[in-house]
């Protein structure tokens, strides 16, 4: 019995030793965890790492190695130069949604790291001095280069499509001398241009030989095949064997091309045709004097005989909408929720805002005795229209047309004159994707002769031209707008910003 009692006492002592050891070990683990043996939080993935972003890139993501206090991330997160936006999160993934468009030709630096507590204010000091350890993260990304294309008007450049990269100060001739380019459009990635051209040998024969082509620019390539194509690779899109090709437009999303075509054997057979991807062109059976594709390429606004119609392009997407009180559609808003329509009656030009929300109805924006030629939405805030209008003035006893550019507030209809463009009605306007600048041309024209090789949209011969750049004012600020003189860039016409 005495021996059993001794064993019992020994077992109890052993249990206490084991339990004590477990307690001490647990305490040591807890202390190590609480006092710095944890791995610091690190950024595992940044979705814009090394990327060239465009105005269509609206958010990026940061994936961390573990979930942490979002307030800590918000207090230690910065972009230089500033790129305003909102931060949101789900677990260890953080998302930053932009409030403004990125500025082209800019390099940005993103930083996530605990700053020096000596520079912190009282409100954030508690967050900054928390026990969260973070591995400093620094990344850079760029916006697309600021670049534009135009048609040359002098020397070896005449009639050729040219790309000028303002960011890199580089000029690239995209098309060969045996093609004379008359017009072009940009694909959404800027990697290609769609252009209309005539073989040089056919210039003195017939303008009905106009064909559509694509050409690579070397910009913003995303695949190996695109990179290998480089600059100046040309492909035929639409020939002129049976039909003469006229005005054309490429949808903003690059998914559809619409072209005016006339049967060479039967001029009564004239209508719009649509090209979708690699499919065969198909006729719509709808003639048009003017037309405008929506940004999503789902509908086309057609003007014929001074009346406007909205035509769905899908095979089963509804009926044609007649907008008989309007002359033509000038612009679709970038988000496709509004349109700007023109009404011309008894010498009065009226701008209307048409809303997709039928409950809001059509709204008169502006009435004027001055003819309105064209309008473009300001892309940064979407609250302003840039419109080209034609005023009349007397010079040496003659009445002459004076085009001028103005900014119109979409809410109030208030108009601010920006720039006079004397002596040329057929001005081509192009607003930069980031909304900071506008390109326009001024062209010297004459009646065409058998030797004419370049032409305006109205059929006049181009004898010379100049591309100009106008820095646009900051219309969001409550300050008086100061007129800024435009900058002369180079000989050329029909300039268009790359997207």
Protein backbone atom coordinates (compact mmCIF):
# COMPACT_ATOMS: atom_id res chain seq x y z
CA UNK A 1 0.00 0.00 0.00
CA UNK A 2 2.83 2.37 0.88
CA UNK A 3 4.43 1.67 -2.51
CA UNK A 4 1.15 2.47 -4.37
CA UNK A 5 0.80 5.73 -2.49
CA UNK A 6 4.31 6.75 -3.51
CA UNK A 7 3.50 6.02 -7.19
CA UNK A 8 0.34 8.13 -6.93
CA UNK A 9 2.23 11.09 -5.50
CA UNK A 10 4.88 10.79 -8.24
CA UNK A 11 2.26 10.77 -11.00
CA UNK A 12 0.59 13.87 -9.60
CA UNK A 13 3.94 15.68 -9.52
CA UNK A 14 4.63 14.61 -13.13
CA UNK A 15 1.23 15.91 -14.28
CA UNK A 16 1.94 19.28 -12.69
CA UNK A 17 5.35 19.47 -14.40
CA UNK A 18 3.82 18.63 -17.82
CA UNK A 19 0.96 21.10 -17.42
CA UNK A 20 3.40 23.76 -16.29
CA UNK A 21 5.63 23.11 -19.28
CA UNK A 22 2.69 23.36 -21.67
CA UNK A 23 1.64 26.67 -20.08
CA UNK A 24 5.16 28.10 -20.35
CA UNK A 25 5.45 26.95 -23.99
CA UNK A 26 2.08 28.52 -24.86
CA UNK A 27 3.12 31.74 -23.17
CA UNK A 28 6.37 31.81 -25.13
CA UNK A 29 4.50 31.26 -28.43
CA UNK A 30 2.08 34.06 -27.58
CA UNK A 31 4.91 36.40 -26.66
CA UNK A 32 6.79 35.61 -29.86
CA UNK A 33 3.63 36.22 -31.91
CA UNK A 34 2.86 39.47 -30.15
CA UNK A 35 6.35 40.92 -30.14
CA UNK A 36 7.55 40.79 -33.69
CA UNK A 37 8.15 37.21 -34.82
CA UNK A 38 5.27 37.50 -37.32
CA UNK A 39 6.08 37.91 -41.02
CA UNK A 40 5.45 41.52 -42.17
CA UNK A 41 2.48 42.11 -44.47
CA UNK A 42 3.58 42.35 -48.11
CA UNK A 43 2.01 43.15 -51.48
CA UNK A 44 1.64 39.93 -53.47
CA UNK A 45 0.17 41.39 -56.67
CA UNK A 46 -0.42 44.83 -58.25
CA UNK A 47 -2.62 44.70 -61.35
CA UNK A 48 -1.03 47.74 -63.06
CA UNK A 49 2.58 46.69 -62.50
CA UNK A 50 4.59 47.79 -65.54
CA UNK A 51 1.41 48.54 -67.51
CA UNK A 52 0.61 51.46 -69.82
CA UNK A 53 -2.91 52.50 -68.86
CA UNK A 54 -5.50 54.37 -70.90
CA UNK A 55 -8.60 56.36 -70.01
CA UNK A 56 -10.60 53.10 -70.17
CA UNK A 57 -8.64 51.68 -67.22
CA UNK A 58 -10.77 52.72 -64.27
CA UNK A 59 -9.44 50.68 -61.32
CA UNK A 60 -6.52 48.60 -60.10
CA UNK A 61 -6.14 45.97 -57.38
CA UNK A 62 -3.57 45.24 -54.65
CA UNK A 63 -3.45 41.77 -53.12
CA UNK A 64 -1.78 41.53 -49.70
CA UNK A 65 -0.27 38.51 -47.99
CA UNK A 66 -2.89 38.73 -45.22
CA UNK A 67 -5.90 40.78 -44.23
CA UNK A 68 -5.10 43.94 -42.25
CA UNK A 69 -6.89 47.03 -41.00
CA UNK A 70 -8.15 48.97 -44.08
CA UNK A 71 -7.56 52.24 -42.23
CA UNK A 72 -3.87 51.37 -42.03
CA UNK A 73 -3.72 50.83 -45.81
CA UNK A 74 -5.62 54.07 -46.48
CA UNK A 75 -3.26 56.04 -44.21
CA UNK A 76 -0.10 54.62 -45.78
CA UNK A 77 -1.14 54.52 -49.45
CA UNK A 78 -0.11 57.22 -51.95
CA UNK A 79 0.17 57.88 -55.71
CA UNK A 80 2.54 60.51 -57.11
CA UNK A 81 1.59 62.59 -59.00
CA UNK A 82 -1.90 62.44 -57.44
CA UNK A 83 -4.53 60.30 -59.16
CA UNK A 84 -7.81 60.90 -57.26
CA UNK A 85 -9.92 57.86 -56.45
CA UNK A 86 -11.66 55.74 -53.81
CA UNK A 87 -10.24 52.74 -51.94
CA UNK A 88 -12.36 49.66 -51.19
CA UNK A 89 -11.50 46.16 -50.00
CA UNK A 90 -12.61 42.55 -49.63
CA UNK A 91 -10.48 40.54 -47.21
CA UNK A 92 -6.85 40.92 -48.20
CA UNK A 93 -7.68 42.39 -51.65
CA UNK A 94 -7.84 46.16 -52.05
CA UNK A 95 -9.33 48.04 -55.01
CA UNK A 96 -8.72 51.64 -56.09
CA UNK A 97 -11.32 53.20 -58.41
CA UNK A 98 -10.35 56.41 -60.21
CA UNK A 99 -12.47 59.54 -59.92
CA UNK A 100 -10.65 61.27 -62.78
CA UNK A 101 -9.05 60.22 -66.05
CA UNK A 102 -5.29 59.60 -66.02
CA UNK A 103 -3.19 62.19 -67.84
CA UNK A 104 -1.42 60.84 -70.92
CA UNK A 105 2.37 60.90 -71.21
CA UNK A 106 2.72 60.61 -67.42
CA UNK A 107 4.63 58.20 -65.16
CA UNK A 108 2.99 57.43 -61.80
CA UNK A 109 4.53 56.01 -58.62
CA UNK A 110 2.50 53.97 -56.15
CA UNK A 111 3.76 53.56 -52.59
CA UNK A 112 2.51 51.49 -49.65
CA UNK A 113 4.76 51.80 -46.59
CA UNK A 114 4.49 53.10 -43.04
CA UNK A 115 5.75 56.71 -43.06
CA UNK A 116 7.91 58.39 -40.45
CA UNK A 117 5.74 58.94 -37.37
CA UNK A 118 7.39 62.31 -36.85
CA UNK A 119 5.53 63.64 -39.90
CA UNK A 120 2.12 62.19 -38.94
CA UNK A 121 -0.67 64.35 -37.55
CA UNK A 122 -2.54 63.57 -34.35
CA UNK A 123 -5.50 61.99 -36.15
CA UNK A 124 -3.43 59.31 -37.89
CA UNK A 125 -0.68 58.84 -35.32
CA UNK A 126 -2.52 55.99 -33.59
CA UNK A 127 -2.94 54.12 -36.88
CA UNK A 128 0.64 54.71 -37.97
CA UNK A 129 2.12 53.51 -34.67
CA UNK A 130 0.04 50.34 -34.52
CA UNK A 131 1.78 46.96 -34.24
CA UNK A 132 1.17 46.16 -37.94
CA UNK A 133 4.44 45.46 -39.72
CA UNK A 134 4.43 46.06 -43.47
CA UNK A 135 7.06 45.42 -46.09
CA UNK A 136 7.54 48.67 -48.08
CA UNK A 137 6.11 48.45 -51.61
CA UNK A 138 7.01 50.79 -54.48
CA UNK A 139 5.74 50.36 -58.05
CA UNK A 140 5.60 52.45 -61.21
CA UNK A 141 3.12 52.50 -64.04
CA UNK A 142 2.61 54.77 -67.03
CA UNK A 143 -0.22 56.21 -69.03
CA UNK A 144 -0.20 55.93 -72.80
CA UNK A 145 2.01 58.28 -74.77
CA UNK A 146 0.40 61.49 -75.99
CA UNK A 147 0.28 60.92 -79.75
CA UNK A 148 -1.79 61.81 -82.81
CA UNK A 149 -2.02 60.98 -86.50
CA UNK A 150 -2.58 63.27 -89.48
CA UNK A 151 -2.30 63.42 -93.28
CA UNK A 152 0.74 65.22 -94.64
CA UNK A 153 0.38 68.09 -97.11
CA UNK A 154 3.96 68.93 -98.13
CA UNK A 155 6.90 67.24 -99.87
CA UNK A 156 7.37 63.50 -99.36
CA UNK A 157 4.72 63.55 -96.60
CA UNK A 158 1.93 64.70 -98.93
CA UNK A 159 -0.99 62.31 -98.94
CA UNK A 160 0.66 59.93 -96.47
CA UNK A 161 -0.59 58.93 -93.04
CA UNK A 162 1.77 60.10 -90.31
CA UNK A 163 1.99 59.31 -86.59
CA UNK A 164 3.55 61.88 -84.26
CA UNK A 165 4.38 60.86 -80.69
CA UNK A 166 4.45 64.06 -78.63
CA UNK A 167 5.73 62.26 -75.54
CA UNK A 168 8.72 60.79 -77.36
CA UNK A 169 8.97 63.57 -79.98
CA UNK A 170 9.04 60.93 -82.72
CA UNK A 171 7.54 61.06 -86.21
CA UNK A 172 6.64 57.88 -88.14
CA UNK A 173 5.35 57.71 -91.72
CA UNK A 174 2.83 54.84 -91.76
CA UNK A 175 1.78 54.52 -95.42
CA UNK A 176 3.79 54.20 -98.65
CA UNK A 177 4.07 56.85 -101.35
CA UNK A 178 1.95 54.83 -103.81
CA UNK A 179 -1.19 55.30 -101.66
CA UNK A 180 -2.82 58.72 -101.17
CA UNK A 181 -4.78 58.83 -97.92
CA UNK A 182 -7.98 60.89 -97.80
CA UNK A 183 -9.33 60.07 -94.33
CA UNK A 184 -8.78 57.74 -91.37
CA UNK A 185 -10.09 56.56 -87.97
CA UNK A 186 -8.39 55.10 -84.88
CA UNK A 187 -8.93 51.69 -83.30
CA UNK A 188 -9.54 51.79 -79.51
CA UNK A 189 -6.12 50.39 -78.55
CA UNK A 190 -4.30 52.77 -80.87
CA UNK A 191 -2.39 49.84 -82.34
CA UNK A 192 -4.04 50.26 -85.76
CA UNK A 193 -5.63 52.91 -87.97
CA UNK A 194 -8.43 52.40 -90.48
CA UNK A 195 -7.87 54.58 -93.54
CA UNK A 196 -9.30 55.33 -96.97
CA UNK A 197 -6.82 55.69 -99.81
CA UNK A 198 -6.48 55.71 -103.58
CA UNK A 199 -3.58 54.16 -105.50
CA UNK A 200 -1.47 57.11 -106.66
CA UNK A 201 -1.57 55.98 -110.30
CA UNK A 202 -5.38 56.20 -110.24
CA UNK A 203 -5.65 59.78 -108.98
CA UNK A 204 -6.16 61.28 -112.42
CA UNK A 205 -8.61 58.52 -113.33
CA UNK A 206 -11.41 58.20 -110.82
CA UNK A 207 -11.97 58.87 -107.12
CA UNK A 208 -14.28 55.85 -107.13
CA UNK A 209 -11.17 53.70 -106.65
CA UNK A 210 -11.11 54.60 -102.93
CA UNK A 211 -10.46 51.49 -100.79
CA UNK A 212 -10.32 50.87 -97.02
CA UNK A 213 -7.18 49.54 -95.32
CA UNK A 214 -5.73 49.08 -91.86
CA UNK A 215 -2.16 49.97 -90.87
CA UNK A 216 -0.26 49.15 -87.68
CA UNK A 217 1.16 51.99 -85.57
CA UNK A 218 3.44 50.07 -83.19
CA UNK A 219 1.67 51.68 -80.21
CA UNK A 220 0.15 49.81 -77.25
CA UNK A 221 0.72 46.31 -78.62
CA UNK A 222 -0.61 43.55 -76.37
CA UNK A 223 0.33 40.35 -78.22
CA UNK A 224 3.53 38.98 -79.72
CA UNK A 225 1.98 39.04 -83.21
CA UNK A 226 1.11 42.74 -82.85
CA UNK A 227 4.60 43.58 -81.61
CA UNK A 228 6.19 41.69 -84.53
CA UNK A 229 3.94 43.55 -86.99
CA UNK A 230 5.64 46.76 -85.89
CA UNK A 231 4.88 49.96 -87.80
CA UNK A 232 3.33 50.24 -91.25
CA UNK A 233 1.88 46.76 -91.87
CA UNK A 234 -1.05 47.30 -94.25
CA UNK A 235 -4.09 45.05 -94.85
CA UNK A 236 -6.97 45.59 -97.27
CA UNK A 237 -10.39 45.79 -95.59
CA UNK A 238 -12.78 46.78 -98.41
CA UNK A 239 -12.13 46.93 -102.15
CA UNK A 240 -13.80 49.12 -104.79
CA UNK A 241 -14.33 46.51 -107.50
CA UNK A 242 -18.14 46.73 -107.71
CA UNK A 243 -19.02 49.61 -105.38
CA UNK A 244 -17.55 53.07 -104.95
CA UNK A 245 -16.77 53.79 -101.29
CA UNK A 246 -17.52 57.14 -99.67
CA UNK A 247 -17.65 58.38 -96.08
CA UNK A 248 -16.96 55.79 -93.41
CA UNK A 249 -16.82 55.52 -89.63
CA UNK A 250 -15.29 53.06 -87.19
CA UNK A 251 -17.17 52.47 -83.94
CA UNK A 252 -15.38 53.65 -80.81
CA UNK A 253 -15.13 50.04 -79.59
CA UNK A 254 -13.66 48.95 -82.94
CA UNK A 255 -16.36 46.32 -83.51
CA UNK A 256 -18.13 47.78 -86.55
CA UNK A 257 -17.35 49.85 -89.64
CA UNK A 258 -20.07 51.69 -91.54
CA UNK A 259 -19.42 52.87 -95.12
CA UNK A 260 -21.40 54.78 -97.76
CA UNK A 261 -21.35 52.74 -100.97
CA UNK A 262 -22.70 53.25 -104.51
CA UNK A 263 -23.07 50.50 -107.10
CA UNK A 264 -20.80 51.39 -110.05
CA UNK A 265 -23.24 49.80 -112.52
CA UNK A 266 -26.42 51.19 -110.97
CA UNK A 267 -26.05 54.57 -109.13
CA UNK A 268 -29.58 54.15 -107.74
CA UNK A 269 -28.19 51.34 -105.58
CA UNK A 270 -26.69 53.51 -102.86
CA UNK A 271 -26.82 52.83 -99.13
CA UNK A 272 -24.83 52.28 -95.95
CA UNK A 273 -22.94 49.04 -95.54
CA UNK A 274 -21.70 47.52 -92.29
CA UNK A 275 -18.56 45.42 -91.68
CA UNK A 276 -18.44 43.35 -88.49
CA UNK A 277 -15.09 41.78 -87.64
CA UNK A 278 -13.99 39.39 -90.39
CA UNK A 279 -17.53 38.84 -91.71
CA UNK A 280 -18.47 39.78 -95.27
CA UNK A 281 -19.79 43.36 -95.67
CA UNK A 282 -23.58 43.61 -95.74
CA UNK A 283 -25.80 46.36 -97.08
CA UNK A 284 -28.30 48.01 -94.74
CA UNK A 285 -30.51 49.28 -97.58
CA UNK A 286 -30.51 52.74 -95.95
CA UNK A 287 -29.11 55.78 -97.80
CA UNK A 288 -27.65 58.62 -95.72
CA UNK A 289 -26.21 62.08 -96.22
CA UNK A 290 -24.70 62.05 -92.71
CA UNK A 291 -24.37 59.28 -90.12
CA UNK A 292 -22.90 58.75 -86.66
CA UNK A 293 -22.20 55.48 -84.83
CA UNK A 294 -22.91 55.12 -81.12
CA UNK A 295 -19.89 54.31 -78.88
CA UNK A 296 -21.15 50.75 -78.32
CA UNK A 297 -21.82 50.32 -82.07
CA UNK A 298 -25.37 49.11 -81.40
CA UNK A 299 -27.17 51.93 -83.26
CA UNK A 300 -26.40 54.45 -85.97
CA UNK A 301 -27.89 57.93 -86.29
CA UNK A 302 -28.76 58.60 -89.94
CA UNK A 303 -29.60 61.96 -91.53
CA UNK A 304 -31.37 61.84 -94.88
CA UNK A 305 -33.31 64.67 -96.48
CA UNK A 306 -32.88 66.85 -93.39
CA UNK A 307 -34.47 64.32 -91.01
CA UNK A 308 -32.91 62.15 -88.33
CA UNK A 309 -33.46 58.43 -87.70
CA UNK A 310 -31.91 56.07 -85.15
CA UNK A 311 -31.23 52.70 -86.78
CA UNK A 312 -30.43 49.55 -84.72
CA UNK A 313 -27.56 47.54 -86.22
CA UNK A 314 -28.32 44.21 -84.57
CA UNK A 315 -30.30 41.81 -86.74
CA UNK A 316 -33.08 41.48 -84.13
CA UNK A 317 -32.64 44.62 -82.06
CA UNK A 318 -35.83 46.58 -82.67
CA UNK A 319 -37.36 49.05 -85.07
CA UNK A 320 -36.01 52.27 -86.55
CA UNK A 321 -36.81 55.35 -84.44
CA UNK A 322 -37.80 58.44 -86.44
CA UNK A 323 -36.67 61.77 -84.92
CA UNK A 324 -38.32 63.92 -87.55
CA UNK A 325 -38.01 67.29 -85.80
CA UNK A 326 -34.20 67.03 -85.77
CA UNK A 327 -31.79 67.58 -88.66
CA UNK A 328 -28.95 65.35 -87.47
CA UNK A 329 -27.20 63.93 -84.43
CA UNK A 330 -23.93 65.63 -83.52
CA UNK A 331 -22.63 63.56 -80.61
CA UNK A 332 -23.18 60.58 -78.33
CA UNK A 333 -22.03 60.95 -74.73
CA UNK A 334 -19.12 58.66 -73.74
CA UNK A 335 -21.43 56.61 -71.45
CA UNK A 336 -24.06 56.29 -74.22
CA UNK A 337 -26.76 57.80 -71.98
CA UNK A 338 -27.18 61.10 -73.87
CA UNK A 339 -27.14 62.41 -77.40
CA UNK A 340 -26.80 65.92 -78.77
CA UNK A 341 -29.22 66.60 -81.63
CA UNK A 342 -29.42 69.59 -83.96
CA UNK A 343 -32.64 71.25 -85.10
CA UNK A 344 -32.54 73.80 -87.92
CA UNK A 345 -35.71 75.77 -88.62
CA UNK A 346 -36.24 79.27 -90.08
CA UNK A 347 -32.59 80.22 -89.71
CA UNK A 348 -32.42 79.19 -86.04
CA UNK A 349 -30.10 76.42 -84.89
CA UNK A 350 -31.14 74.64 -81.68
CA UNK A 351 -29.15 72.11 -79.68
CA UNK A 352 -31.14 69.45 -77.82
CA UNK A 353 -30.03 66.99 -75.16
CA UNK A 354 -31.73 63.62 -75.73
CA UNK A 355 -31.71 61.20 -72.78
CA UNK A 356 -31.94 57.41 -72.86
CA UNK A 357 -34.20 57.77 -69.81
CA UNK A 358 -37.45 58.57 -71.58
CA UNK A 359 -38.94 60.08 -68.38
CA UNK A 360 -36.51 63.00 -68.58
CA UNK A 361 -37.51 63.83 -72.17
CA UNK A 362 -35.71 66.03 -74.69
CA UNK A 363 -34.26 69.29 -73.39
CA UNK A 364 -33.34 72.46 -75.31
CA UNK A 365 -29.73 73.37 -74.52
CA UNK A 366 -29.12 76.34 -76.80
CA UNK A 367 -30.82 78.39 -79.52
CA UNK A 368 -28.74 80.56 -81.83
CA UNK A 369 -28.79 82.34 -85.18
CA UNK A 370 -25.25 81.05 -85.74
CA UNK A 371 -25.01 77.77 -87.72
CA UNK A 372 -23.58 74.86 -85.70
CA UNK A 373 -21.20 72.56 -87.59
CA UNK A 374 -20.06 70.02 -85.02
CA UNK A 375 -19.91 69.26 -81.27
CA UNK A 376 -17.71 67.03 -79.07
CA UNK A 377 -18.15 65.96 -75.44
CA UNK A 378 -15.39 66.99 -73.05
CA UNK A 379 -14.23 63.57 -71.79
CA UNK A 380 -12.77 64.40 -68.35
CA UNK A 381 -15.98 65.50 -66.61
CA UNK A 382 -18.61 65.01 -69.33
CA UNK A 383 -20.35 68.29 -68.40
CA UNK A 384 -19.19 70.42 -71.33
CA UNK A 385 -19.60 70.44 -75.10
CA UNK A 386 -17.00 71.86 -77.44
CA UNK A 387 -18.88 73.14 -80.47
CA UNK A 388 -17.73 74.56 -83.80
CA UNK A 389 -20.00 77.33 -85.05
CA UNK A 390 -19.99 79.63 -88.08
CA UNK A 391 -20.34 83.37 -87.60
CA UNK A 392 -20.53 85.94 -90.37
CA UNK A 393 -18.52 89.15 -90.65
CA UNK A 394 -18.06 91.84 -93.26
CA UNK A 395 -14.64 92.30 -94.83
CA UNK A 396 -13.87 94.64 -97.74
CA UNK A 397 -17.56 94.91 -98.52
CA UNK A 398 -18.06 91.14 -98.58
CA UNK A 399 -19.71 88.84 -96.05
CA UNK A 400 -17.25 86.13 -94.98
CA UNK A 401 -17.70 83.10 -92.74
CA UNK A 402 -15.71 82.97 -89.50
CA UNK A 403 -15.68 79.60 -87.70
CA UNK A 404 -15.16 79.75 -83.94
CA UNK A 405 -14.92 77.27 -81.12
CA UNK A 406 -16.94 77.60 -77.92
CA UNK A 407 -17.57 75.64 -74.72
CA UNK A 408 -21.20 75.04 -73.73
CA UNK A 409 -22.24 73.98 -70.21
CA UNK A 410 -24.55 70.95 -70.50
CA UNK A 411 -26.56 71.93 -67.44
CA UNK A 412 -27.08 75.65 -67.92
CA UNK A 413 -26.50 76.18 -71.65
CA UNK A 414 -24.01 78.95 -70.85
CA UNK A 415 -21.56 79.48 -73.71
CA UNK A 416 -17.92 80.57 -73.47
CA UNK A 417 -16.09 81.56 -76.71
CA UNK A 418 -12.64 79.95 -76.86
CA UNK A 419 -11.04 80.50 -80.27
CA UNK A 420 -11.73 82.08 -83.66
CA UNK A 421 -10.75 80.05 -86.72
CA UNK A 422 -10.85 82.45 -89.68
CA UNK A 423 -11.02 81.61 -93.39
CA UNK A 424 -11.88 77.91 -93.25
CA UNK A 425 -15.22 76.21 -92.73
CA UNK A 426 -14.21 72.55 -93.10
CA UNK A 427 -12.32 72.36 -89.78
CA UNK A 428 -11.65 68.93 -88.30
CA UNK A 429 -11.70 68.88 -84.47
CA UNK A 430 -10.23 66.18 -82.24
CA UNK A 431 -10.36 66.28 -78.42
CA UNK A 432 -7.62 64.34 -76.59
CA UNK A 433 -8.74 61.23 -74.71
CA UNK A 434 -7.70 62.78 -71.38
CA UNK A 435 -9.49 66.05 -72.20
CA UNK A 436 -6.45 68.31 -71.86
CA UNK A 437 -5.97 69.48 -75.45
CA UNK A 438 -7.67 69.84 -78.80
CA UNK A 439 -6.29 69.44 -82.31
CA UNK A 440 -7.65 71.27 -85.33
CA UNK A 441 -6.53 72.00 -88.86
CA UNK A 442 -6.61 74.98 -91.18
CA UNK A 443 -6.48 74.11 -94.85
CA UNK A 444 -5.93 76.13 -98.01
CA UNK A 445 -8.40 74.89 -100.63
CA UNK A 446 -9.23 75.49 -104.28
CA UNK A 447 -11.54 74.11 -106.91
CA UNK A 448 -10.28 70.68 -108.05
CA UNK A 449 -8.33 70.24 -111.28
CA UNK A 450 -7.18 67.10 -113.15
CA UNK A 451 -3.91 67.33 -111.19
CA UNK A 452 -5.51 67.55 -107.74
CA UNK A 453 -4.54 64.76 -105.36
CA UNK A 454 -5.93 65.66 -101.90
CA UNK A 455 -9.52 66.62 -101.15
CA UNK A 456 -11.67 67.86 -98.30
CA UNK A 457 -14.92 66.17 -97.31
CA UNK A 458 -16.74 68.75 -99.47
CA UNK A 459 -14.72 67.86 -102.57
CA UNK A 460 -12.39 70.87 -102.65
CA UNK A 461 -8.74 70.34 -103.53
CA UNK A 462 -6.27 70.68 -100.67
CA UNK A 463 -3.37 72.96 -101.60
CA UNK A 464 -1.85 73.19 -98.13
CA UNK A 465 -2.68 72.71 -94.47
CA UNK A 466 -1.53 73.25 -90.92
CA UNK A 467 -2.12 71.24 -87.73
CA UNK A 468 -2.70 73.29 -84.56
CA UNK A 469 -2.86 72.35 -80.88
CA UNK A 470 -5.05 74.20 -78.36
CA UNK A 471 -4.56 73.58 -74.64
CA UNK A 472 -8.08 73.42 -73.18
CA UNK A 473 -9.00 75.47 -70.11
CA UNK A 474 -9.88 73.91 -66.75
CA UNK A 475 -13.64 74.44 -66.89
CA UNK A 476 -14.31 72.93 -63.46
CA UNK A 477 -12.69 75.78 -61.56
CA UNK A 478 -14.69 78.84 -60.58
CA UNK A 479 -12.26 81.28 -62.19
CA UNK A 480 -12.31 83.48 -65.24
CA UNK A 481 -11.13 81.56 -68.30
CA UNK A 482 -8.06 83.08 -69.92
CA UNK A 483 -7.72 82.72 -73.67
CA UNK A 484 -4.67 80.62 -74.61
CA UNK A 485 -3.28 81.04 -78.13
CA UNK A 486 -3.03 77.80 -80.13
CA UNK A 487 0.32 76.29 -81.02
CA UNK A 488 1.26 75.62 -84.64
CA UNK A 489 2.63 72.08 -84.94
CA UNK A 490 3.36 71.00 -88.52
CA UNK A 491 2.06 70.97 -92.12
CA UNK A 492 -0.89 68.59 -92.46
CA UNK A 493 -4.64 68.17 -92.13
CA UNK A 494 -7.30 65.97 -90.55
CA UNK A 495 -5.46 65.45 -87.24
CA UNK A 496 -6.81 62.90 -84.81
CA UNK A 497 -5.63 62.05 -81.29
CA UNK A 498 -4.70 58.45 -80.55
CA UNK A 499 -7.07 56.96 -77.92
